[in-house]
Amino acid sequence: MQNLNHLLKTDYSNSYALIIGINNYQNVSPLGYAVNDAQEVSEVLINKLNFPKENVKILIDGEATKSNILKAYHSYTSDSINIDDRLIIFFAGHGHTLKGYRGDVGYLVPFDADTNDTSTFIRWDELTRNAELIRAKHILFIMDACFSGLAIYRDAKVGANRFLHDMYKRFSRQVITAGKADEPVADSGGPLPNHSIFTGHLIEGMLGKAANDLGIITANSLMSYVYTKVSQAPNSEQTPHYGQFDGDGDFIFFCPDEFKQPSDSQIGTDHLISIPYVNEARTLQSLEDKVKTLKELLSSPNSKITIEDFFNDEIRTFLSKTNEEQFNLSERNLDYPQLIEKINKYEEISRDLCVLTALIAYWGEVQHLSLIEKIIKLCSDPLLDNQGGLVILIELRWYPLILLQYFAGISALANKNYLTLAKILNTTLNESNRNDENETISLKLASSTSEITNIFKKMPGHERQHIPMSEYLLTHIQPYLDNLFFLGKNYEYSFDYFEVLRSLVILDTKLLKDPTWAWSPIGRFGWKFKSFSFSKNSILSKVKNEILTEKTNWPPLQVGLFGGEYDRAEKAINHLETRLKEINF
């Protein structure tokens, strides 16, 4: 299609909808709520989303013959449809899939279909091919039916950001279906009585639950919302299928007036909107396969871009599974087993990203430093502007980042990759309303660690330990890193050294701000230092000796930790040692 972006407006001239619902088929088994679904969707479009009533066509039961559906659909190819219009096609009824030699072919089943005669079905790609004849810039197909053969070239990349006004001006053809072929569709049991699970969540999303923090509802936000809700519903065995089959714009359901195109004096103002994080069900490689792939990429000097693409997918998967939809932050009366269950879930979700980041930290070179920073920033971003909830649950959301820092930091230290280690410890988080300016990842995690560690004090086998969280992490992480790098006894040394260095870096920052309130997390190195009467063989004493002996040649100083200043490192180690001598474990 001709590029019309420069001609399009940042709004819609008109809105149209073709709504189809079939309960009682002529030759096919009936459905219970398809007609209710169609009628309610039309009501929402008219009464809540400002679709003109005269522009909403409804075909119910016997009206929804193949001929009538196609005639109504092709009516939108007329010149009365403007390029700045939007169009929704909603179908609630049976879907069907046939195997072709090039793959699955998906069909919609009209009222008068004969299951023994495929010519009486409506082939899905007949609609998509003819969509190019319709001038409306945005068309969204919503199919409460299960079938395969969708020619989707791109799905919505969760977490991606787009400018609102620009999305209005970009051509798009999008689709979401209730499920894929051979998946049983739940015709009830959804959030709304007398509606299917799919359309029940669809309606709730259209009414506002799919809105972003600006109150804007887009096709991508709606598709993401419905996907998450339907795929995780207890009575559902279906997985919605959604994406884009043409163009790269986004259908806008609702936009508050203040975010629409401003007056001429303010033109140029735009708003970034992001696609919500969803728990996408994808066919993923095993962790072993991912490790093998990443090792091969790291061995190639020209693979930087491919490695970044590889991690982009991993980060999106991680963010999808750790969003607030998956972890309710407002739960009350949580008992200890429930908190442990959440820890286990976070560990499972973050495992792949932690292991793969450890590989980058161990083998990575200067060209990979920006990727380390990107991983930390993107995984932290959703946590910075949390709106509220139970304190322990808010802080527990940072646990995967603690794991990530430990996995990566120990790995970098084990291979003396100090440049990478500095990035792991001192990456500055993006600005937000809830974190201090220039706050580093280490400082942020330090404040969360003090809250989370209380859970580990009750964990079986750790009740009597002085530093239970540190002891737990020591044994939890070891098998993964030993499998990756075969560290042997060097693992425990690298773990303890990392904890000392992490503590010193945090302490250094706090000493610069306010020496009277300077503190840092104490790892297992603390009680080991105390247990042997401040033994010169403790890891803390060894680190102090390195600082005093090597001075400005100490590797952490040469890569910029402690501002590269020997005096700051000396002050931090002395402060930490003094504090440990005063602590009574």
Protein backbone atom coordinates (compact mmCIF):
# COMPACT_ATOMS: atom_id res chain seq x y z
CA MET A 1 0.00 0.00 0.00
CA GLN A 2 1.12 3.56 -0.69
CA ASN A 3 2.67 5.25 2.34
CA LEU A 4 -0.04 7.61 3.57
CA ASN A 5 1.50 8.51 6.94
CA HIS A 6 2.06 12.13 5.96
CA LEU A 7 -1.63 12.46 5.02
CA LEU A 8 -3.17 10.86 8.08
CA LYS A 9 -4.55 12.64 11.15
CA THR A 10 -3.80 11.98 14.80
CA ASP A 11 -7.42 11.03 15.42
CA TYR A 12 -10.26 9.22 13.66
CA SER A 13 -12.72 10.78 11.23
CA ASN A 14 -15.27 8.04 11.82
CA SER A 15 -15.70 4.64 13.44
CA TYR A 16 -17.33 1.50 12.02
CA ALA A 17 -18.01 -2.00 13.28
CA LEU A 18 -19.37 -5.24 11.87
CA ILE A 19 -20.60 -7.45 14.73
CA ILE A 20 -21.56 -11.09 14.14
CA GLY A 21 -22.92 -13.56 16.69
CA ILE A 22 -24.30 -17.04 16.03
CA ASN A 23 -25.86 -19.30 18.65
CA ASN A 24 -28.29 -21.38 16.60
CA TYR A 25 -26.71 -22.81 13.48
CA GLN A 26 -28.63 -24.35 10.59
CA ASN A 27 -26.44 -27.47 10.37
CA VAL A 28 -23.90 -27.17 13.21
CA SER A 29 -24.13 -27.64 16.98
CA PRO A 30 -25.41 -24.54 18.81
CA LEU A 31 -23.47 -22.21 21.09
CA GLY A 32 -24.70 -20.67 24.34
CA TYR A 33 -23.49 -17.09 24.52
CA ALA A 34 -22.24 -15.96 21.09
CA VAL A 35 -25.29 -13.74 20.53
CA ASN A 36 -24.95 -12.20 24.02
CA ASP A 37 -21.28 -11.57 23.30
CA ALA A 38 -22.03 -9.83 20.00
CA GLN A 39 -24.78 -7.68 21.44
CA GLU A 40 -22.76 -6.59 24.47
CA VAL A 41 -19.70 -5.73 22.36
CA SER A 42 -21.87 -3.56 20.13
CA GLU A 43 -23.34 -1.82 23.20
CA VAL A 44 -19.87 -1.09 24.58
CA LEU A 45 -18.70 0.31 21.26
CA ILE A 46 -21.74 2.59 20.95
CA ASN A 47 -22.27 3.67 24.54
CA LYS A 48 -18.74 3.73 25.91
CA LEU A 49 -16.35 4.12 22.98
CA ASN A 50 -18.28 6.63 20.87
CA PHE A 51 -18.95 4.49 17.80
CA PRO A 52 -21.97 6.04 16.01
CA LYS A 53 -24.93 3.68 16.35
CA GLU A 54 -25.72 3.91 12.63
CA ASN A 55 -22.18 2.71 11.83
CA VAL A 56 -22.45 -0.50 13.85
CA LYS A 57 -23.89 -3.37 11.78
CA ILE A 58 -25.11 -6.43 13.69
CA LEU A 59 -25.78 -9.83 12.14
CA ILE A 60 -27.37 -12.34 14.55
CA ASP A 61 -28.07 -16.05 13.99
CA GLY A 62 -30.02 -16.47 10.72
CA GLU A 63 -28.89 -13.07 9.47
CA ALA A 64 -25.26 -14.20 9.61
CA THR A 65 -25.21 -16.27 6.42
CA LYS A 66 -22.05 -16.49 4.37
CA SER A 67 -23.53 -14.22 1.73
CA ASN A 68 -24.66 -11.59 4.23
CA ILE A 69 -21.36 -11.58 6.13
CA LEU A 70 -19.28 -11.13 2.99
CA LYS A 71 -21.68 -8.54 1.58
CA ALA A 72 -21.48 -6.51 4.80
CA TYR A 73 -17.71 -6.86 4.91
CA HIS A 74 -17.23 -5.77 1.30
CA SER A 75 -19.46 -2.74 1.88
CA TYR A 76 -16.48 -1.18 3.65
CA THR A 77 -14.53 -1.14 0.38
CA SER A 78 -16.70 1.77 -0.80
CA ASP A 79 -15.46 5.34 -1.12
CA SER A 80 -17.61 6.32 1.86
CA ILE A 81 -14.87 4.91 4.12
CA ASN A 82 -12.18 7.50 4.75
CA ILE A 83 -8.47 6.81 5.20
CA ASP A 84 -8.68 8.24 8.73
CA ASP A 85 -11.46 5.86 9.79
CA ARG A 86 -11.25 2.80 12.04
CA LEU A 87 -13.09 -0.50 11.64
CA ILE A 88 -13.71 -3.45 13.97
CA ILE A 89 -14.84 -6.87 12.75
CA PHE A 90 -16.13 -8.98 15.65
CA PHE A 91 -17.18 -12.60 15.14
CA ALA A 92 -18.55 -14.91 17.86
CA GLY A 93 -19.26 -18.39 16.58
CA HIS A 94 -17.60 -21.58 15.44
CA GLY A 95 -14.18 -21.68 13.83
CA HIS A 96 -12.73 -24.52 11.78
CA THR A 97 -9.28 -25.62 10.61
CA LEU A 98 -8.32 -27.83 7.70
CA LYS A 99 -4.89 -29.21 6.88
CA GLY A 100 -3.45 -28.01 3.58
CA TYR A 101 -0.18 -29.05 2.01
CA ARG A 102 1.26 -25.61 2.88
CA GLY A 103 -0.06 -25.70 6.43
CA ASP A 104 -3.28 -25.07 8.34
CA VAL A 105 -6.15 -23.20 6.72
CA GLY A 106 -8.52 -21.37 9.07
CA TYR A 107 -12.24 -20.80 8.48
CA LEU A 108 -15.12 -18.99 10.12
CA VAL A 109 -18.37 -20.94 10.21
CA PRO A 110 -21.42 -18.85 9.13
CA PHE A 111 -25.03 -19.68 10.04
CA ASP A 112 -25.73 -21.69 6.85
CA ALA A 113 -22.44 -23.63 6.70
CA ASP A 114 -22.46 -27.32 5.76
CA THR A 115 -19.67 -29.23 7.47
CA ASN A 116 -19.41 -31.51 4.44
CA ASP A 117 -18.94 -28.62 2.03
CA THR A 118 -15.97 -26.32 2.67
CA SER A 119 -17.24 -23.87 0.06
CA THR A 120 -19.91 -22.86 2.57
CA PHE A 121 -17.27 -21.70 5.07
CA ILE A 122 -15.57 -18.31 5.06
CA ARG A 123 -11.86 -18.71 4.61
CA TRP A 124 -9.97 -16.45 7.02
CA ASP A 125 -7.39 -15.25 4.51
CA GLU A 126 -10.22 -14.18 2.21
CA LEU A 127 -10.92 -11.47 4.77
CA THR A 128 -7.28 -10.51 5.24
CA ARG A 129 -6.57 -10.34 1.50
CA ASN A 130 -9.58 -8.12 0.91
CA ALA A 131 -8.65 -5.87 3.84
CA GLU A 132 -6.30 -4.08 1.45
CA LEU A 133 -9.38 -2.84 -0.45
CA ILE A 134 -10.66 -1.05 2.66
CA ARG A 135 -9.30 2.47 3.01
CA ALA A 136 -9.64 2.71 6.82
CA LYS A 137 -6.17 3.11 8.31
CA HIS A 138 -6.87 0.84 11.29
CA ILE A 139 -8.75 -2.46 11.12
CA LEU A 140 -9.00 -4.85 14.07
CA PHE A 141 -10.42 -8.37 13.72
CA ILE A 142 -11.68 -9.89 16.97
CA MET A 143 -12.62 -13.54 16.59
CA ASP A 144 -14.24 -15.39 19.48
CA ALA A 145 -13.59 -18.64 17.67
CA CYS A 146 -10.75 -21.13 17.55
CA PHE A 147 -8.90 -21.82 14.31
CA SER A 148 -5.37 -21.85 12.92
CA GLY A 149 -3.73 -20.58 9.77
CA LEU A 150 -3.43 -16.93 10.85
CA ALA A 151 -0.85 -15.22 8.65
CA ILE A 152 0.55 -13.04 11.44
CA TYR A 153 3.95 -11.66 10.61
CA ARG A 154 4.57 -9.88 13.90
CA ASP A 155 3.18 -10.15 17.40
CA ALA A 156 3.11 -7.34 19.93
CA LYS A 157 6.53 -7.05 21.55
CA VAL A 158 5.78 -6.59 25.21
CA GLY A 159 7.46 -3.64 26.84
CA ALA A 160 7.99 -1.87 23.50
CA ASN A 161 7.31 1.87 23.47
CA ARG A 162 5.49 3.81 20.75
CA PHE A 163 4.45 7.45 20.36
CA LEU A 164 0.68 7.81 20.60
CA HIS A 165 0.18 10.37 17.81
CA ASP A 166 2.52 8.44 15.54
CA MET A 167 0.46 5.27 16.04
CA TYR A 168 -2.63 7.15 14.87
CA LYS A 169 -0.80 7.94 11.63
CA ARG A 170 0.48 4.45 10.88
CA PHE A 171 -1.49 1.92 8.88
CA SER A 172 -2.42 -1.32 10.72
CA ARG A 173 -4.27 -4.60 10.37
CA GLN A 174 -4.46 -6.52 13.65
CA VAL A 175 -6.21 -9.66 14.87
CA ILE A 176 -6.94 -11.55 18.06
CA THR A 177 -8.65 -14.94 18.20
CA ALA A 178 -10.00 -16.81 21.20
CA GLY A 179 -7.77 -19.81 20.60
CA LYS A 180 -5.96 -22.01 18.16
CA ALA A 181 -7.20 -25.10 16.35
CA ASP A 182 -8.34 -28.05 18.46
CA GLU A 183 -8.50 -25.99 21.66
CA PRO A 184 -11.79 -26.28 23.53
CA VAL A 185 -13.39 -22.85 23.91
CA ALA A 186 -14.90 -22.10 27.30
CA ASP A 187 -18.37 -20.77 26.46
CA SER A 188 -18.95 -19.73 30.08
CA GLY A 189 -17.16 -19.35 33.40
CA GLY A 190 -15.63 -16.01 32.56
CA PRO A 191 -15.70 -12.77 34.55
CA LEU A 192 -19.15 -11.79 33.24
CA PRO A 193 -22.27 -14.00 33.48
CA ASN A 194 -23.74 -15.21 30.18
CA HIS A 195 -20.56 -14.48 28.24
CA SER A 196 -17.65 -16.59 27.05
CA ILE A 197 -14.36 -16.34 28.93
CA PHE A 198 -12.74 -14.64 25.95
CA THR A 199 -15.42 -12.01 25.33
CA GLY A 200 -16.00 -11.48 29.05
CA HIS A 201 -12.38 -10.39 29.49
CA LEU A 202 -12.50 -8.54 26.18
CA ILE A 203 -15.46 -6.45 27.37
CA GLU A 204 -13.81 -5.71 30.72
CA GLY A 205 -10.66 -4.67 28.89
CA MET A 206 -12.61 -2.37 26.57
CA LEU A 207 -14.34 -0.81 29.59
CA GLY A 208 -11.01 0.21 31.08
CA LYS A 209 -9.11 -2.70 32.58
CA ALA A 210 -6.80 -2.78 29.55
CA ALA A 211 -5.99 0.93 29.86
CA ASN A 212 -2.42 2.04 30.51
CA ASP A 213 -1.40 4.50 33.20
CA LEU A 214 -2.57 7.39 30.99
CA GLY A 215 -6.01 5.85 30.56
CA ILE A 216 -5.35 4.97 26.90
CA ILE A 217 -6.68 1.69 25.49
CA THR A 218 -5.00 0.39 22.33
CA ALA A 219 -5.45 -2.84 20.41
CA ASN A 220 -2.08 -4.01 21.70
CA SER A 221 -2.95 -3.28 25.32
CA LEU A 222 -6.33 -4.98 24.87
CA MET A 223 -4.82 -8.01 23.17
CA SER A 224 -2.18 -8.33 25.88
CA TYR A 225 -4.79 -8.03 28.63
CA VAL A 226 -7.11 -10.61 27.08
CA TYR A 227 -4.23 -12.96 26.34
CA THR A 228 -3.07 -12.96 29.95
CA LYS A 229 -6.55 -13.32 31.44
CA VAL A 230 -7.81 -16.06 29.12
CA SER A 231 -4.66 -18.17 29.08
CA GLN A 232 -4.53 -18.18 32.89
CA ALA A 233 -8.23 -18.55 33.66
CA PRO A 234 -8.85 -21.68 35.80
CA ASN A 235 -11.66 -22.90 33.52
CA SER A 236 -9.82 -22.19 30.28
CA GLU A 237 -7.82 -24.53 28.08
CA GLN A 238 -7.49 -22.02 25.25
CA THR A 239 -4.64 -19.73 24.31
CA PRO A 240 -5.55 -16.59 22.36
CA HIS A 241 -3.57 -15.90 19.22
CA TYR A 242 -2.86 -12.31 18.32
CA GLY A 243 -0.66 -10.00 16.33
CA GLN A 244 -0.29 -7.87 13.24
CA PHE A 245 -0.71 -9.11 9.68
CA ASP A 246 -0.13 -5.79 7.95
CA GLY A 247 1.20 -2.34 8.87
CA ASP A 248 2.79 -1.18 12.11
CA GLY A 249 0.25 1.19 13.65
CA ASP A 250 -2.11 0.50 16.51
CA PHE A 251 -5.89 0.65 16.75
CA ILE A 252 -6.84 3.18 19.47
CA PHE A 253 -10.01 2.25 21.38
CA PHE A 254 -10.00 5.15 23.78
CA CYS A 255 -7.83 8.18 24.40
CA PRO A 256 -8.56 10.90 26.98
CA ASP A 257 -9.04 14.28 25.37
CA GLU A 258 -5.94 15.76 27.02
CA PHE A 259 -3.69 13.30 25.17
CA LYS A 260 -5.15 13.83 21.73
CA GLN A 261 -3.58 16.19 19.20
CA PRO A 262 -3.07 19.51 21.04
CA SER A 263 -3.70 22.98 19.70
CA ASP A 264 -1.41 24.45 17.05
CA SER A 265 0.67 26.27 19.64
CA GLN A 266 1.60 22.94 21.22
CA ILE A 267 2.10 20.75 18.18
CA GLY A 268 5.09 18.51 18.70
CA THR A 269 3.96 17.25 22.10
CA ASP A 270 3.52 13.49 22.08
CA HIS A 271 3.25 10.68 24.61
CA LEU A 272 5.13 7.41 24.73
CA ILE A 273 2.89 4.44 25.41
CA SER A 274 4.12 0.93 26.09
CA ILE A 275 2.73 -2.50 25.35
CA PRO A 276 1.91 -4.17 28.69
CA TYR A 277 3.90 -7.13 29.90
CA VAL A 278 2.03 -10.38 29.46
CA ASN A 279 2.79 -13.95 30.34
CA GLU A 280 3.30 -15.15 26.81
CA ALA A 281 3.18 -18.90 26.26
CA ARG A 282 5.89 -19.64 23.73
CA THR A 283 7.77 -22.69 22.60
CA LEU A 284 11.14 -21.97 24.13
CA GLN A 285 14.48 -23.66 23.88
CA SER A 286 15.65 -25.55 26.92
CA LEU A 287 18.15 -23.75 29.12
CA GLU A 288 20.84 -26.15 27.94
CA ASP A 289 20.14 -25.24 24.31
CA LYS A 290 20.20 -21.53 25.13
CA VAL A 291 23.54 -21.88 26.90
CA LYS A 292 24.98 -23.72 23.92
CA THR A 293 23.67 -21.07 21.52
CA LEU A 294 25.04 -18.20 23.59
CA LYS A 295 28.46 -19.84 23.96
CA GLU A 296 28.68 -20.20 20.18
CA LEU A 297 27.69 -16.55 19.73
CA LEU A 298 30.25 -15.37 22.29
CA SER A 299 32.98 -17.22 20.43
CA SER A 300 32.25 -15.19 17.30
CA PRO A 301 33.71 -11.64 17.14
CA ASN A 302 30.86 -10.41 14.91
CA SER A 303 27.89 -11.54 16.96
CA LYS A 304 27.21 -8.49 19.13
CA ILE A 305 23.90 -7.64 17.42
CA THR A 306 22.70 -11.25 17.44
CA ILE A 307 23.56 -11.56 21.15
CA GLU A 308 21.58 -8.41 21.93
CA ASP A 309 18.57 -9.74 20.00
CA PHE A 310 18.95 -13.01 21.91
CA PHE A 311 18.81 -11.15 25.24
CA ASN A 312 15.95 -8.88 24.14
CA ASP A 313 13.76 -11.98 23.89
CA GLU A 314 14.95 -13.26 27.26
CA ILE A 315 14.30 -9.93 28.96
CA ARG A 316 10.80 -9.72 27.49
CA THR A 317 10.04 -13.24 28.69
CA PHE A 318 11.35 -12.39 32.16
CA LEU A 319 9.31 -9.17 32.36
CA SER A 320 6.22 -10.97 31.12
CA LYS A 321 6.41 -13.48 33.94
CA THR A 322 7.29 -11.07 36.74
CA ASN A 323 4.71 -8.35 36.11
CA GLU A 324 2.16 -7.33 38.72
CA GLU A 325 -0.54 -9.41 37.03
CA GLN A 326 1.43 -12.51 38.03
CA PHE A 327 2.27 -11.34 41.57
CA ASN A 328 -0.50 -9.64 43.52
CA LEU A 329 1.17 -7.02 45.71
CA SER A 330 -1.89 -6.35 47.84
CA GLU A 331 -2.35 -9.80 49.38
CA ARG A 332 -2.95 -9.87 53.11
CA ASN A 333 -2.42 -12.42 55.89
CA LEU A 334 0.38 -14.18 54.03
CA ASP A 335 1.90 -17.07 55.95
CA TYR A 336 5.50 -18.23 55.72
CA PRO A 337 4.88 -21.09 53.22
CA GLN A 338 3.21 -18.63 50.83
CA LEU A 339 6.24 -16.33 50.94
CA ILE A 340 8.56 -19.27 50.30
CA GLU A 341 6.35 -20.25 47.37
CA LYS A 342 6.81 -16.77 45.91
CA ILE A 343 10.59 -17.01 46.34
CA ASN A 344 10.57 -20.35 44.54
CA LYS A 345 8.46 -18.90 41.74
CA TYR A 346 10.78 -15.92 41.31
CA GLU A 347 13.77 -18.27 41.18
CA GLU A 348 12.15 -20.42 38.52
CA ILE A 349 11.17 -17.42 36.41
CA SER A 350 14.58 -15.72 36.63
CA ARG A 351 16.72 -18.85 36.24
CA ASP A 352 17.36 -18.63 32.49
CA LEU A 353 18.13 -14.91 32.47
CA CYS A 354 20.46 -15.27 35.47
CA VAL A 355 22.40 -18.16 33.93
CA LEU A 356 22.71 -16.47 30.53
CA THR A 357 23.78 -13.17 32.10
CA ALA A 358 26.39 -15.10 34.09
CA LEU A 359 27.82 -16.32 30.78
CA ILE A 360 28.08 -12.76 29.49
CA ALA A 361 29.68 -11.63 32.76
CA TYR A 362 32.29 -14.42 32.64
CA TRP A 363 33.20 -14.38 28.94
CA GLY A 364 32.02 -10.94 27.90
CA GLU A 365 34.31 -8.23 26.59
CA VAL A 366 34.16 -4.44 26.42
CA GLN A 367 31.63 -4.60 23.58
CA HIS A 368 29.19 -6.40 25.90
CA LEU A 369 29.26 -3.86 28.76
CA SER A 370 26.33 -1.91 27.33
CA LEU A 371 24.31 -5.14 27.21
CA ILE A 372 24.97 -5.81 30.90
CA GLU A 373 23.76 -2.29 31.67
CA LYS A 374 20.69 -2.76 29.47
CA ILE A 375 19.72 -6.02 31.19
CA ILE A 376 19.91 -4.40 34.63
CA LYS A 377 18.03 -1.24 33.63
CA LEU A 378 15.22 -2.95 31.73
CA CYS A 379 14.64 -5.55 34.44
CA SER A 380 14.55 -2.80 37.08
CA ASP A 381 12.39 -0.27 35.23
CA PRO A 382 8.96 -1.82 36.01
CA LEU A 383 9.80 -1.88 39.72
CA LEU A 384 10.76 1.77 40.09
CA ASP A 385 7.27 3.24 39.88
CA ASN A 386 5.34 0.65 41.85
CA GLN A 387 2.02 2.08 43.00
CA GLY A 388 1.73 0.35 46.35
CA GLY A 389 0.97 -2.86 48.18
CA LEU A 390 2.30 -4.94 51.05
CA VAL A 391 5.87 -3.87 51.82
CA ILE A 392 7.35 -7.36 51.84
CA LEU A 393 5.76 -8.17 48.48
CA ILE A 394 7.01 -4.92 46.94
CA GLU A 395 10.54 -5.61 48.15
CA LEU A 396 10.34 -9.27 47.14
CA ARG A 397 9.89 -8.18 43.52
CA TRP A 398 13.55 -7.15 43.66
CA TYR A 399 14.65 -10.68 44.58
CA PRO A 400 15.23 -11.71 40.92
CA LEU A 401 17.53 -8.68 40.54
CA ILE A 402 19.45 -9.76 43.64
CA LEU A 403 19.87 -13.19 42.06
CA LEU A 404 20.89 -11.61 38.76
CA GLN A 405 23.55 -9.46 40.46
CA TYR A 406 24.96 -12.42 42.39
CA PHE A 407 25.03 -14.75 39.37
CA ALA A 408 26.71 -12.12 37.20
CA GLY A 409 28.99 -10.63 39.86
CA ILE A 410 30.42 -13.95 41.04
CA SER A 411 30.98 -15.03 37.43
CA ALA A 412 32.77 -11.82 36.49
CA LEU A 413 34.97 -12.01 39.57
CA ALA A 414 35.78 -15.70 39.00
CA ASN A 415 37.27 -14.80 35.61
CA LYS A 416 38.80 -11.52 36.83
CA ASN A 417 36.54 -9.62 34.46
CA TYR A 418 36.67 -6.42 36.50
CA LEU A 419 35.23 -4.04 33.90
CA THR A 420 32.09 -6.14 33.77
CA LEU A 421 32.03 -6.43 37.55
CA ALA A 422 32.07 -2.63 37.87
CA LYS A 423 29.08 -2.40 35.53
CA ILE A 424 27.21 -5.06 37.53
CA LEU A 425 27.76 -3.19 40.79
CA ASN A 426 27.46 0.43 39.70
CA THR A 427 24.89 0.62 36.91
CA THR A 428 22.71 3.67 37.56
CA LEU A 429 18.97 3.07 37.47
CA ASN A 430 16.71 5.16 35.28
CA GLU A 431 15.04 8.14 36.88
CA SER A 432 11.61 7.68 38.43
CA ASN A 433 9.35 9.26 41.00
CA ARG A 434 10.32 6.69 43.61
CA ASN A 435 14.07 6.37 43.45
CA ASP A 436 16.81 8.83 44.28
CA GLU A 437 18.61 10.55 41.45
CA ASN A 438 21.64 8.54 40.28
CA GLU A 439 20.76 5.61 42.54
CA THR A 440 22.77 2.53 41.62
CA ILE A 441 21.45 -1.01 41.38
CA SER A 442 23.59 -2.01 44.39
CA LEU A 443 22.09 0.70 46.59
CA LYS A 444 18.56 -0.21 45.55
CA LEU A 445 19.09 -3.91 46.18
CA ALA A 446 20.72 -3.22 49.56
CA SER A 447 17.51 -1.63 50.86
CA SER A 448 15.43 -4.57 49.61
CA THR A 449 17.81 -7.19 51.01
CA SER A 450 17.21 -6.13 54.61
CA GLU A 451 13.47 -6.78 54.24
CA ILE A 452 13.74 -10.00 52.24
CA THR A 453 16.31 -11.59 54.53
CA ASN A 454 13.66 -11.98 57.26
CA ILE A 455 12.02 -14.70 55.14
CA PHE A 456 15.22 -16.74 55.03
CA LYS A 457 15.56 -16.69 58.80
CA LYS A 458 12.69 -19.19 58.97
CA MET A 459 13.79 -21.36 56.05
CA PRO A 460 14.50 -24.99 57.06
CA GLY A 461 18.22 -25.51 57.58
CA HIS A 462 18.92 -21.79 57.90
CA GLU A 463 17.15 -20.95 61.17
CA ARG A 464 20.31 -20.92 63.29
CA GLN A 465 22.61 -19.27 60.75
CA HIS A 466 23.95 -15.76 61.31
CA ILE A 467 23.46 -14.63 57.68
CA PRO A 468 20.76 -17.01 56.35
CA MET A 469 20.13 -15.30 53.01
CA SER A 470 23.82 -15.22 52.16
CA GLU A 471 24.21 -18.88 53.12
CA TYR A 472 21.17 -19.80 51.05
CA LEU A 473 22.43 -17.97 47.97
CA LEU A 474 25.84 -19.65 48.32
CA THR A 475 24.34 -23.12 47.86
CA HIS A 476 21.51 -22.11 45.53
CA ILE A 477 23.75 -20.53 42.89
CA GLN A 478 26.71 -22.95 43.09
CA PRO A 479 25.38 -25.82 40.91
CA TYR A 480 24.52 -23.47 38.04
CA LEU A 481 27.90 -21.73 37.95
CA ASP A 482 29.84 -24.95 38.48
CA ASN A 483 28.04 -26.50 35.52
CA LEU A 484 28.85 -23.45 33.41
CA PHE A 485 32.47 -22.83 34.41
CA PHE A 486 33.65 -25.76 36.59
CA LEU A 487 34.84 -23.40 39.34
CA GLY A 488 35.50 -26.02 42.00
CA LYS A 489 36.73 -24.55 45.27
CA ASN A 490 37.23 -21.19 43.58
CA TYR A 491 33.46 -20.75 43.70
CA GLU A 492 33.24 -20.16 47.46
CA TYR A 493 36.19 -17.75 47.36
CA SER A 494 34.59 -15.81 44.47
CA PHE A 495 31.24 -15.73 46.28
CA ASP A 496 32.73 -14.32 49.49
CA TYR A 497 34.95 -11.87 47.62
CA PHE A 498 31.95 -10.63 45.64
CA GLU A 499 29.95 -10.05 48.82
CA VAL A 500 32.81 -8.11 50.39
CA LEU A 501 33.26 -5.96 47.31
CA ARG A 502 29.51 -5.38 46.98
CA SER A 503 29.34 -4.32 50.62
CA LEU A 504 32.30 -1.95 50.19
CA VAL A 505 30.85 -0.33 47.07
CA ILE A 506 27.54 0.33 48.85
CA LEU A 507 29.34 1.59 51.94
CA ASP A 508 31.52 3.92 49.84
CA THR A 509 28.46 5.59 48.32
CA LYS A 510 26.81 6.02 51.69
CA LEU A 511 29.98 7.42 53.28
CA LEU A 512 30.07 10.10 50.59
CA LYS A 513 26.46 11.10 51.37
CA ASP A 514 26.31 10.85 55.16
CA PRO A 515 29.02 9.06 57.17
CA THR A 516 26.83 8.98 60.28
CA TRP A 517 24.28 6.72 58.56
CA ALA A 518 26.68 4.64 56.50
CA TRP A 519 25.88 0.93 56.46
CA SER A 520 25.91 -1.96 54.00
CA PRO A 521 24.64 -5.56 53.87
CA ILE A 522 26.80 -8.08 55.69
CA GLY A 523 27.39 -11.39 53.95
CA ARG A 524 28.74 -14.63 55.34
CA PHE A 525 32.20 -13.04 55.27
CA GLY A 526 31.10 -11.08 58.37
CA TRP A 527 30.62 -13.98 60.78
CA LYS A 528 33.71 -15.73 59.36
CA PHE A 529 35.75 -12.63 60.18
CA LYS A 530 34.33 -12.58 63.71
CA SER A 531 34.52 -16.34 64.29
CA PHE A 532 38.28 -16.44 63.97
CA SER A 533 38.94 -13.37 66.11
CA PHE A 534 39.48 -11.11 63.14
CA SER A 535 41.69 -13.71 61.49
CA LYS A 536 44.16 -12.53 58.90
CA ASN A 537 43.03 -15.50 56.81
CA SER A 538 39.46 -14.25 56.47
CA ILE A 539 38.34 -12.98 53.09
CA LEU A 540 37.78 -9.50 54.52
CA SER A 541 41.36 -9.34 55.76
CA LYS A 542 42.66 -10.58 52.42
CA VAL A 543 40.74 -7.88 50.56
CA LYS A 544 42.04 -5.24 52.99
CA ASN A 545 45.57 -6.47 52.47
CA GLU A 546 45.14 -6.23 48.70
CA ILE A 547 43.90 -2.64 48.98
CA LEU A 548 46.73 -1.56 51.28
CA THR A 549 49.39 -3.36 49.25
CA GLU A 550 48.33 -2.69 45.68
CA LYS A 551 46.88 0.77 46.33
CA THR A 552 45.92 2.42 43.00
CA ASN A 553 46.94 -0.78 41.18
CA TRP A 554 44.16 -2.75 42.88
CA PRO A 555 42.01 -3.94 39.91
CA PRO A 556 38.64 -2.68 41.24
CA LEU A 557 40.13 0.83 41.49
CA GLN A 558 41.55 0.65 37.98
CA VAL A 559 38.09 0.02 36.50
CA GLY A 560 36.57 2.98 38.32
CA LEU A 561 35.03 1.51 41.46
CA PHE A 562 35.33 3.86 44.44
CA GLY A 563 35.78 6.61 41.86
CA GLY A 564 39.22 5.14 41.19
CA GLU A 565 40.40 6.71 44.47
CA TYR A 566 42.53 4.69 46.85
CA ASP A 567 41.55 6.82 49.86
CA ARG A 568 37.86 6.02 49.38
CA ALA A 569 38.52 2.27 49.18
CA GLU A 570 40.71 2.42 52.31
CA LYS A 571 38.09 4.40 54.20
CA ALA A 572 35.34 1.92 53.21
CA ILE A 573 37.30 -1.18 54.26
CA ASN A 574 38.29 0.39 57.58
CA HIS A 575 34.70 1.43 58.27
CA LEU A 576 33.42 -2.06 57.45
CA GLU A 577 36.05 -3.74 59.63
CA THR A 578 35.27 -1.45 62.57
CA ARG A 579 31.56 -2.09 62.24
CA LEU A 580 32.04 -5.87 62.14
CA LYS A 581 34.13 -5.80 65.30
CA GLU A 582 31.21 -4.09 67.06
CA ILE A 583 28.54 -6.51 65.83
CA ASN A 584 27.46 -9.30 68.14
CA PHE A 585 26.18 -12.11 65.91
